[in-house]
Amino acid sequence: MRERGASTADIAILVVSAEDGVKPQTIDAYKEIEKAKVPFIVAINKIDKPAANVDRVKMTLAEAGIYVEGFGGNVSFGPSPPKRARE
């Protein structure tokens, strides 16, 4: 499924949790993105959670070979805005 998605996309968004950081599925998705040579950005979500640590996410991304801006690379990244509570 990841391979098919990456091979048909014009751009990819690699979503990483600010709580959990890089997981095996993150690495799998990244490998498919790289194999398909699709440009991508990293979206860090769950930034509003108490256990969120964006700097730890950047560091674990670098350990996995994904170098975001400001951490030795040129991959754009940004925190995803938290979901708004329904009114």
PDB file of N, CA and C in Angstrom:
ATOM      1  N   MET A   1       0.831  -1.171   0.000  1.00  0.00           N
ATOM      2  CA  MET A   1       0.000   0.000   0.000  1.00  0.00           C
ATOM      3  C   MET A   1       0.891   1.257   0.000  1.00  0.00           C
ATOM      4  N   ARG A   2       1.923   1.288   0.842  1.00  0.00           N
ATOM      5  CA  ARG A   2       2.815   2.451   0.869  1.00  0.00           C
ATOM      6  C   ARG A   2       3.539   2.619  -0.457  1.00  0.00           C
ATOM      7  N   GLU A   3       3.960   1.508  -1.040  1.00  0.00           N
ATOM      8  CA  GLU A   3       4.681   1.567  -2.314  1.00  0.00           C
ATOM      9  C   GLU A   3       3.792   2.162  -3.396  1.00  0.00           C
ATOM     10  N   ARG A   4       2.558   1.699  -3.467  1.00  0.00           N
ATOM     11  CA  ARG A   4       1.633   2.189  -4.489  1.00  0.00           C
ATOM     12  C   ARG A   4       1.354   3.676  -4.284  1.00  0.00           C
ATOM     13  N   GLY A   5       1.144   4.073  -3.036  1.00  0.00           N
ATOM     14  CA  GLY A   5       0.879   5.482  -2.746  1.00  0.00           C
ATOM     15  C   GLY A   5       2.057   6.370  -3.101  1.00  0.00           C
ATOM     16  N   ALA A   6       3.247   5.929  -2.729  1.00  0.00           N
ATOM     17  CA  ALA A   6       4.447   6.728  -3.004  1.00  0.00           C
ATOM     18  C   ALA A   6       4.723   6.833  -4.499  1.00  0.00           C
ATOM     19  N   SER A   7       4.453   5.766  -5.220  1.00  0.00           N
ATOM     20  CA  SER A   7       4.769   5.774  -6.649  1.00  0.00           C
ATOM     21  C   SER A   7       3.801   6.629  -7.464  1.00  0.00           C
ATOM     22  N   THR A   8       2.650   6.958  -6.917  1.00  0.00           N
ATOM     23  CA  THR A   8       1.674   7.760  -7.656  1.00  0.00           C
ATOM     24  C   THR A   8       1.577   9.201  -7.154  1.00  0.00           C
ATOM     25  N   ALA A   9       2.284   9.510  -6.071  1.00  0.00           N
ATOM     26  CA  ALA A   9       2.167  10.835  -5.460  1.00  0.00           C
ATOM     27  C   ALA A   9       3.110  11.847  -6.104  1.00  0.00           C
ATOM     28  N   ASP A  10       2.708  13.102  -6.055  1.00  0.00           N
ATOM     29  CA  ASP A  10       3.567  14.205  -6.485  1.00  0.00           C
ATOM     30  C   ASP A  10       4.413  14.706  -5.320  1.00  0.00           C
ATOM     31  N   ILE A  11       3.870  14.579  -4.115  1.00  0.00           N
ATOM     32  CA  ILE A  11       4.563  14.960  -2.884  1.00  0.00           C
ATOM     33  C   ILE A  11       4.025  14.080  -1.766  1.00  0.00           C
ATOM     34  N   ALA A  12       4.854  13.845  -0.765  1.00  0.00           N
ATOM     35  CA  ALA A  12       4.436  13.011   0.363  1.00  0.00           C
ATOM     36  C   ALA A  12       4.585  13.798   1.660  1.00  0.00           C
ATOM     37  N   ILE A  13       3.756  13.448   2.626  1.00  0.00           N
ATOM     38  CA  ILE A  13       3.852  14.019   3.958  1.00  0.00           C
ATOM     39  C   ILE A  13       4.120  12.866   4.916  1.00  0.00           C
ATOM     40  N   LEU A  14       5.266  12.903   5.550  1.00  0.00           N
ATOM     41  CA  LEU A  14       5.642  11.890   6.525  1.00  0.00           C
ATOM     42  C   LEU A  14       5.214  12.405   7.893  1.00  0.00           C
ATOM     43  N   VAL A  15       4.210  11.766   8.488  1.00  0.00           N
ATOM     44  CA  VAL A  15       3.647  12.216   9.760  1.00  0.00           C
ATOM     45  C   VAL A  15       4.310  11.449  10.898  1.00  0.00           C
ATOM     46  N   VAL A  16       4.814  12.216  11.885  1.00  0.00           N
ATOM     47  CA  VAL A  16       5.485  11.625  13.038  1.00  0.00           C
ATOM     48  C   VAL A  16       4.868  12.217  14.298  1.00  0.00           C
ATOM     49  N   SER A  17       4.553  11.366  15.258  1.00  0.00           N
ATOM     50  CA  SER A  17       3.970  11.808  16.512  1.00  0.00           C
ATOM     51  C   SER A  17       5.025  12.440  17.411  1.00  0.00           C
ATOM     52  N   ALA A  18       4.707  13.598  17.988  1.00  0.00           N
ATOM     53  CA  ALA A  18       5.619  14.251  18.927  1.00  0.00           C
ATOM     54  C   ALA A  18       5.695  13.477  20.240  1.00  0.00           C
ATOM     55  N   GLU A  19       4.726  12.616  20.491  1.00  0.00           N
ATOM     56  CA  GLU A  19       4.741  11.777  21.696  1.00  0.00           C
ATOM     57  C   GLU A  19       5.569  10.520  21.488  1.00  0.00           C
ATOM     58  N   ASP A  20       5.329   9.855  20.374  1.00  0.00           N
ATOM     59  CA  ASP A  20       5.924   8.537  20.138  1.00  0.00           C
ATOM     60  C   ASP A  20       7.226   8.586  19.356  1.00  0.00           C
ATOM     61  N   GLY A  21       7.432   9.616  18.565  1.00  0.00           N
ATOM     62  CA  GLY A  21       8.641   9.713  17.759  1.00  0.00           C
ATOM     63  C   GLY A  21       8.642   8.746  16.593  1.00  0.00           C
ATOM     64  N   VAL A  22       9.823   8.439  16.109  1.00  0.00           N
ATOM     65  CA  VAL A  22       9.990   7.568  14.953  1.00  0.00           C
ATOM     66  C   VAL A  22       9.692   6.125  15.353  1.00  0.00           C
ATOM     67  N   LYS A  23       8.851   5.483  14.573  1.00  0.00           N
ATOM     68  CA  LYS A  23       8.481   4.081  14.802  1.00  0.00           C
ATOM     69  C   LYS A  23       8.839   3.289  13.550  1.00  0.00           C
ATOM     70  N   PRO A  24       8.776   1.968  13.617  1.00  0.00           N
ATOM     71  CA  PRO A  24       9.114   1.160  12.432  1.00  0.00           C
ATOM     72  C   PRO A  24       8.307   1.529  11.188  1.00  0.00           C
ATOM     73  N   GLN A  25       7.037   1.858  11.357  1.00  0.00           N
ATOM     74  CA  GLN A  25       6.228   2.218  10.190  1.00  0.00           C
ATOM     75  C   GLN A  25       6.678   3.548   9.588  1.00  0.00           C
ATOM     76  N   THR A  26       7.269   4.418  10.408  1.00  0.00           N
ATOM     77  CA  THR A  26       7.827   5.669   9.893  1.00  0.00           C
ATOM     78  C   THR A  26       8.977   5.367   8.935  1.00  0.00           C
ATOM     79  N   ILE A  27       9.840   4.460   9.358  1.00  0.00           N
ATOM     80  CA  ILE A  27      10.992   4.070   8.542  1.00  0.00           C
ATOM     81  C   ILE A  27      10.522   3.394   7.252  1.00  0.00           C
ATOM     82  N   ASP A  28       9.521   2.515   7.357  1.00  0.00           N
ATOM     83  CA  ASP A  28       8.985   1.846   6.163  1.00  0.00           C
ATOM     84  C   ASP A  28       8.440   2.863   5.164  1.00  0.00           C
ATOM     85  N   ALA A  29       7.669   3.824   5.667  1.00  0.00           N
ATOM     86  CA  ALA A  29       7.105   4.844   4.779  1.00  0.00           C
ATOM     87  C   ALA A  29       8.216   5.676   4.143  1.00  0.00           C
ATOM     88  N   TYR A  30       9.220   6.036   4.928  1.00  0.00           N
ATOM     89  CA  TYR A  30      10.350   6.819   4.403  1.00  0.00           C
ATOM     90  C   TYR A  30      11.080   6.057   3.305  1.00  0.00           C
ATOM     91  N   LYS A  31      11.297   4.773   3.488  1.00  0.00           N
ATOM     92  CA  LYS A  31      11.985   3.969   2.472  1.00  0.00           C
ATOM     93  C   LYS A  31      11.206   3.970   1.160  1.00  0.00           C
ATOM     94  N   GLU A  32       9.892   3.870   1.236  1.00  0.00           N
ATOM     95  CA  GLU A  32       9.074   3.889   0.020  1.00  0.00           C
ATOM     96  C   GLU A  32       9.107   5.262  -0.649  1.00  0.00           C
ATOM     97  N   ILE A  33       9.108   6.319   0.154  1.00  0.00           N
ATOM     98  CA  ILE A  33       9.194   7.677  -0.382  1.00  0.00           C
ATOM     99  C   ILE A  33      10.517   7.863  -1.116  1.00  0.00           C
ATOM    100  N   GLU A  34      11.595   7.420  -0.491  1.00  0.00           N
ATOM    101  CA  GLU A  34      12.920   7.543  -1.104  1.00  0.00           C
ATOM    102  C   GLU A  34      13.035   6.691  -2.368  1.00  0.00           C
ATOM    103  N   LYS A  35      12.496   5.479  -2.312  1.00  0.00           N
ATOM    104  CA  LYS A  35      12.546   4.587  -3.475  1.00  0.00           C
ATOM    105  C   LYS A  35      11.812   5.199  -4.666  1.00  0.00           C
ATOM    106  N   ALA A  36      10.682   5.857  -4.394  1.00  0.00           N
ATOM    107  CA  ALA A  36       9.889   6.476  -5.455  1.00  0.00           C
ATOM    108  C   ALA A  36      10.438   7.851  -5.854  1.00  0.00           C
ATOM    109  N   LYS A  37      11.432   8.336  -5.109  1.00  0.00           N
ATOM    110  CA  LYS A  37      12.045   9.641  -5.370  1.00  0.00           C
ATOM    111  C   LYS A  37      11.010  10.766  -5.390  1.00  0.00           C
ATOM    112  N   VAL A  38      10.115  10.718  -4.397  1.00  0.00           N
ATOM    113  CA  VAL A  38       9.063  11.717  -4.260  1.00  0.00           C
ATOM    114  C   VAL A  38       9.529  12.768  -3.252  1.00  0.00           C
ATOM    115  N   PRO A  39       9.387  14.049  -3.568  1.00  0.00           N
ATOM    116  CA  PRO A  39       9.716  15.059  -2.560  1.00  0.00           C
ATOM    117  C   PRO A  39       8.742  14.939  -1.383  1.00  0.00           C
ATOM    118  N   PHE A  40       9.237  15.250  -0.191  1.00  0.00           N
ATOM    119  CA  PHE A  40       8.378  15.096   0.982  1.00  0.00           C
ATOM    120  C   PHE A  40       8.694  16.135   2.040  1.00  0.00           C
ATOM    121  N   ILE A  41       7.733  16.295   2.929  1.00  0.00           N
ATOM    122  CA  ILE A  41       7.909  17.115   4.114  1.00  0.00           C
ATOM    123  C   ILE A  41       7.539  16.258   5.316  1.00  0.00           C
ATOM    124  N   VAL A  42       7.974  16.687   6.483  1.00  0.00           N
ATOM    125  CA  VAL A  42       7.651  15.978   7.717  1.00  0.00           C
ATOM    126  C   VAL A  42       6.663  16.826   8.500  1.00  0.00           C
ATOM    127  N   ALA A  43       5.557  16.217   8.920  1.00  0.00           N
ATOM    128  CA  ALA A  43       4.573  16.868   9.781  1.00  0.00           C
ATOM    129  C   ALA A  43       4.653  16.206  11.150  1.00  0.00           C
ATOM    130  N   ILE A  44       4.904  16.996  12.156  1.00  0.00           N
ATOM    131  CA  ILE A  44       4.975  16.467  13.520  1.00  0.00           C
ATOM    132  C   ILE A  44       3.642  16.773  14.181  1.00  0.00           C
ATOM    133  N   ASN A  45       2.912  15.718  14.532  1.00  0.00           N
ATOM    134  CA  ASN A  45       1.598  15.923  15.129  1.00  0.00           C
ATOM    135  C   ASN A  45       1.620  15.588  16.621  1.00  0.00           C
ATOM    136  N   LYS A  46       0.506  15.800  17.271  1.00  0.00           N
ATOM    137  CA  LYS A  46       0.324  15.593  18.715  1.00  0.00           C
ATOM    138  C   LYS A  46       1.232  16.507  19.541  1.00  0.00           C
ATOM    139  N   ILE A  47       1.492  17.697  19.014  1.00  0.00           N
ATOM    140  CA  ILE A  47       2.385  18.619  19.713  1.00  0.00           C
ATOM    141  C   ILE A  47       1.734  19.220  20.964  1.00  0.00           C
ATOM    142  N   ASP A  48       0.421  19.085  21.085  1.00  0.00           N
ATOM    143  CA  ASP A  48      -0.277  19.646  22.230  1.00  0.00           C
ATOM    144  C   ASP A  48      -0.354  18.674  23.406  1.00  0.00           C
ATOM    145  N   LYS A  49       0.155  17.473  23.254  1.00  0.00           N
ATOM    146  CA  LYS A  49       0.105  16.465  24.307  1.00  0.00           C
ATOM    147  C   LYS A  49       1.191  16.721  25.354  1.00  0.00           C
ATOM    148  N   PRO A  50       0.949  16.339  26.614  1.00  0.00           N
ATOM    149  CA  PRO A  50       1.936  16.579  27.674  1.00  0.00           C
ATOM    150  C   PRO A  50       3.295  15.915  27.426  1.00  0.00           C
ATOM    151  N   ALA A  51       3.306  14.764  26.786  1.00  0.00           N
ATOM    152  CA  ALA A  51       4.563  14.041  26.551  1.00  0.00           C
ATOM    153  C   ALA A  51       5.235  14.428  25.239  1.00  0.00           C
ATOM    154  N   ALA A  52       4.727  15.444  24.557  1.00  0.00           N
ATOM    155  CA  ALA A  52       5.292  15.852  23.264  1.00  0.00           C
ATOM    156  C   ALA A  52       6.689  16.431  23.436  1.00  0.00           C
ATOM    157  N   ASN A  53       7.581  16.039  22.513  1.00  0.00           N
ATOM    158  CA  ASN A  53       8.951  16.543  22.544  1.00  0.00           C
ATOM    159  C   ASN A  53       9.444  16.643  21.094  1.00  0.00           C
ATOM    160  N   VAL A  54       9.266  17.801  20.499  1.00  0.00           N
ATOM    161  CA  VAL A  54       9.595  18.013  19.091  1.00  0.00           C
ATOM    162  C   VAL A  54      11.096  17.846  18.848  1.00  0.00           C
ATOM    163  N   ASP A  55      11.918  18.321  19.767  1.00  0.00           N
ATOM    164  CA  ASP A  55      13.370  18.175  19.591  1.00  0.00           C
ATOM    165  C   ASP A  55      13.791  16.712  19.592  1.00  0.00           C
ATOM    166  N   ARG A  56      13.155  15.895  20.426  1.00  0.00           N
ATOM    167  CA  ARG A  56      13.458  14.457  20.431  1.00  0.00           C
ATOM    168  C   ARG A  56      13.074  13.830  19.098  1.00  0.00           C
ATOM    169  N   VAL A  57      11.958  14.269  18.531  1.00  0.00           N
ATOM    170  CA  VAL A  57      11.522  13.757  17.231  1.00  0.00           C
ATOM    171  C   VAL A  57      12.557  14.101  16.162  1.00  0.00           C
ATOM    172  N   LYS A  58      13.037  15.338  16.159  1.00  0.00           N
ATOM    173  CA  LYS A  58      14.051  15.750  15.180  1.00  0.00           C
ATOM    174  C   LYS A  58      15.315  14.906  15.326  1.00  0.00           C
ATOM    175  N   MET A  59      15.692  14.635  16.576  1.00  0.00           N
ATOM    176  CA  MET A  59      16.894  13.845  16.820  1.00  0.00           C
ATOM    177  C   MET A  59      16.708  12.397  16.354  1.00  0.00           C
ATOM    178  N   THR A  60      15.553  11.801  16.634  1.00  0.00           N
ATOM    179  CA  THR A  60      15.325  10.415  16.204  1.00  0.00           C
ATOM    180  C   THR A  60      15.162  10.326  14.690  1.00  0.00           C
ATOM    181  N   LEU A  61      14.631  11.376  14.071  1.00  0.00           N
ATOM    182  CA  LEU A  61      14.588  11.404  12.609  1.00  0.00           C
ATOM    183  C   LEU A  61      16.003  11.395  12.047  1.00  0.00           C
ATOM    184  N   ALA A  62      16.886  12.213  12.633  1.00  0.00           N
ATOM    185  CA  ALA A  62      18.278  12.260  12.180  1.00  0.00           C
ATOM    186  C   ALA A  62      18.957  10.905  12.367  1.00  0.00           C
ATOM    187  N   GLU A  63      18.684  10.247  13.471  1.00  0.00           N
ATOM    188  CA  GLU A  63      19.256   8.918  13.708  1.00  0.00           C
ATOM    189  C   GLU A  63      18.793   7.918  12.652  1.00  0.00           C
ATOM    190  N   ALA A  64      17.588   8.164  12.108  1.00  0.00           N
ATOM    191  CA  ALA A  64      17.044   7.288  11.071  1.00  0.00           C
ATOM    192  C   ALA A  64      17.473   7.720   9.668  1.00  0.00           C
ATOM    193  N   GLY A  65      18.281   8.777   9.577  1.00  0.00           N
ATOM    194  CA  GLY A  65      18.761   9.238   8.272  1.00  0.00           C
ATOM    195  C   GLY A  65      17.867  10.254   7.603  1.00  0.00           C
ATOM    196  N   ILE A  66      16.916  10.816   8.346  1.00  0.00           N
ATOM    197  CA  ILE A  66      16.011  11.831   7.821  1.00  0.00           C
ATOM    198  C   ILE A  66      16.418  13.148   8.465  1.00  0.00           C
ATOM    199  N   TYR A  67      17.080  14.002   7.698  1.00  0.00           N
ATOM    200  CA  TYR A  67      17.655  15.232   8.244  1.00  0.00           C
ATOM    201  C   TYR A  67      16.786  16.436   7.904  1.00  0.00           C
ATOM    202  N   VAL A  68      16.105  16.957   8.926  1.00  0.00           N
ATOM    203  CA  VAL A  68      15.218  18.100   8.729  1.00  0.00           C
ATOM    204  C   VAL A  68      16.009  19.395   8.853  1.00  0.00           C
ATOM    205  N   GLU A  69      15.409  20.476   8.375  1.00  0.00           N
ATOM    206  CA  GLU A  69      16.037  21.791   8.451  1.00  0.00           C
ATOM    207  C   GLU A  69      16.403  22.113   9.900  1.00  0.00           C
ATOM    208  N   GLY A  70      17.601  22.633  10.082  1.00  0.00           N
ATOM    209  CA  GLY A  70      18.060  22.967  11.423  1.00  0.00           C
ATOM    210  C   GLY A  70      18.687  21.796  12.156  1.00  0.00           C
ATOM    211  N   PHE A  71      18.594  20.619  11.583  1.00  0.00           N
ATOM    212  CA  PHE A  71      19.198  19.420  12.168  1.00  0.00           C
ATOM    213  C   PHE A  71      20.070  18.723  11.130  1.00  0.00           C
ATOM    214  N   GLY A  72      20.751  19.516  10.318  1.00  0.00           N
ATOM    215  CA  GLY A  72      21.705  18.959   9.370  1.00  0.00           C
ATOM    216  C   GLY A  72      21.162  18.614   8.002  1.00  0.00           C
ATOM    217  N   GLY A  73      19.926  18.990   7.720  1.00  0.00           N
ATOM    218  CA  GLY A  73      19.376  18.622   6.416  1.00  0.00           C
ATOM    219  C   GLY A  73      18.552  19.717   5.790  1.00  0.00           C
ATOM    220  N   ASN A  74      17.862  19.339   4.730  1.00  0.00           N
ATOM    221  CA  ASN A  74      17.041  20.315   4.020  1.00  0.00           C
ATOM    222  C   ASN A  74      15.590  19.885   3.879  1.00  0.00           C
ATOM    223  N   VAL A  75      15.174  18.873   4.634  1.00  0.00           N
ATOM    224  CA  VAL A  75      13.784  18.426   4.593  1.00  0.00           C
ATOM    225  C   VAL A  75      12.950  19.389   5.432  1.00  0.00           C
ATOM    226  N   SER A  76      11.948  19.971   4.818  1.00  0.00           N
ATOM    227  CA  SER A  76      11.063  20.884   5.539  1.00  0.00           C
ATOM    228  C   SER A  76      10.215  20.109   6.532  1.00  0.00           C
ATOM    229  N   PHE A  77       9.940  20.742   7.649  1.00  0.00           N
ATOM    230  CA  PHE A  77       9.088  20.106   8.648  1.00  0.00           C
ATOM    231  C   PHE A  77       8.276  21.186   9.340  1.00  0.00           C
ATOM    232  N   GLY A  78       7.269  20.755  10.018  1.00  0.00           N
ATOM    233  CA  GLY A  78       6.460  21.686  10.788  1.00  0.00           C
ATOM    234  C   GLY A  78       5.521  20.945  11.702  1.00  0.00           C
ATOM    235  N   PRO A  79       5.180  21.567  12.796  1.00  0.00           N
ATOM    236  CA  PRO A  79       4.201  20.956  13.688  1.00  0.00           C
ATOM    237  C   PRO A  79       2.803  21.063  13.089  1.00  0.00           C
ATOM    238  N   SER A  80       2.061  20.001  13.190  1.00  0.00           N
ATOM    239  CA  SER A  80       0.666  20.037  12.743  1.00  0.00           C
ATOM    240  C   SER A  80      -0.148  20.734  13.810  1.00  0.00           C
ATOM    241  N   PRO A  81      -1.057  21.613  13.429  1.00  0.00           N
ATOM    242  CA  PRO A  81      -1.859  22.290  14.455  1.00  0.00           C
ATOM    243  C   PRO A  81      -2.742  21.278  15.182  1.00  0.00           C
ATOM    244  N   PRO A  82      -2.941  21.481  16.485  1.00  0.00           N
ATOM    245  CA  PRO A  82      -3.786  20.555  17.227  1.00  0.00           C
ATOM    246  C   PRO A  82      -5.236  20.635  16.754  1.00  0.00           C
ATOM    247  N   LYS A  83      -5.953  19.538  16.939  1.00  0.00           N
ATOM    248  CA  LYS A  83      -7.370  19.525  16.589  1.00  0.00           C
ATOM    249  C   LYS A  83      -8.117  20.439  17.534  1.00  0.00           C
ATOM    250  N   ARG A  84      -9.086  21.108  16.994  1.00  0.00           N
ATOM    251  CA  ARG A  84      -9.918  21.989  17.823  1.00  0.00           C
ATOM    252  C   ARG A  84     -11.052  21.177  18.416  1.00  0.00           C
ATOM    253  N   ALA A  85     -11.378  21.520  19.636  1.00  0.00           N
ATOM    254  CA  ALA A  85     -12.513  20.869  20.286  1.00  0.00           C
ATOM    255  C   ALA A  85     -13.800  21.306  19.601  1.00  0.00           C
ATOM    256  N   ARG A  86     -14.711  20.391  19.505  1.00  0.00           N
ATOM    257  CA  ARG A  86     -15.992  20.744  18.894  1.00  0.00           C
ATOM    258  C   ARG A  86     -16.780  21.632  19.832  1.00  0.00           C
ATOM    259  N   GLU A  87     -17.390  22.621  19.268  1.00  0.00           N
ATOM    260  CA  GLU A  87     -18.154  23.564  20.092  1.00  0.00           C
ATOM    261  C   GLU A  87     -19.598  23.216  20.079  1.00  0.00           C
TER     262      GLU A  87
END
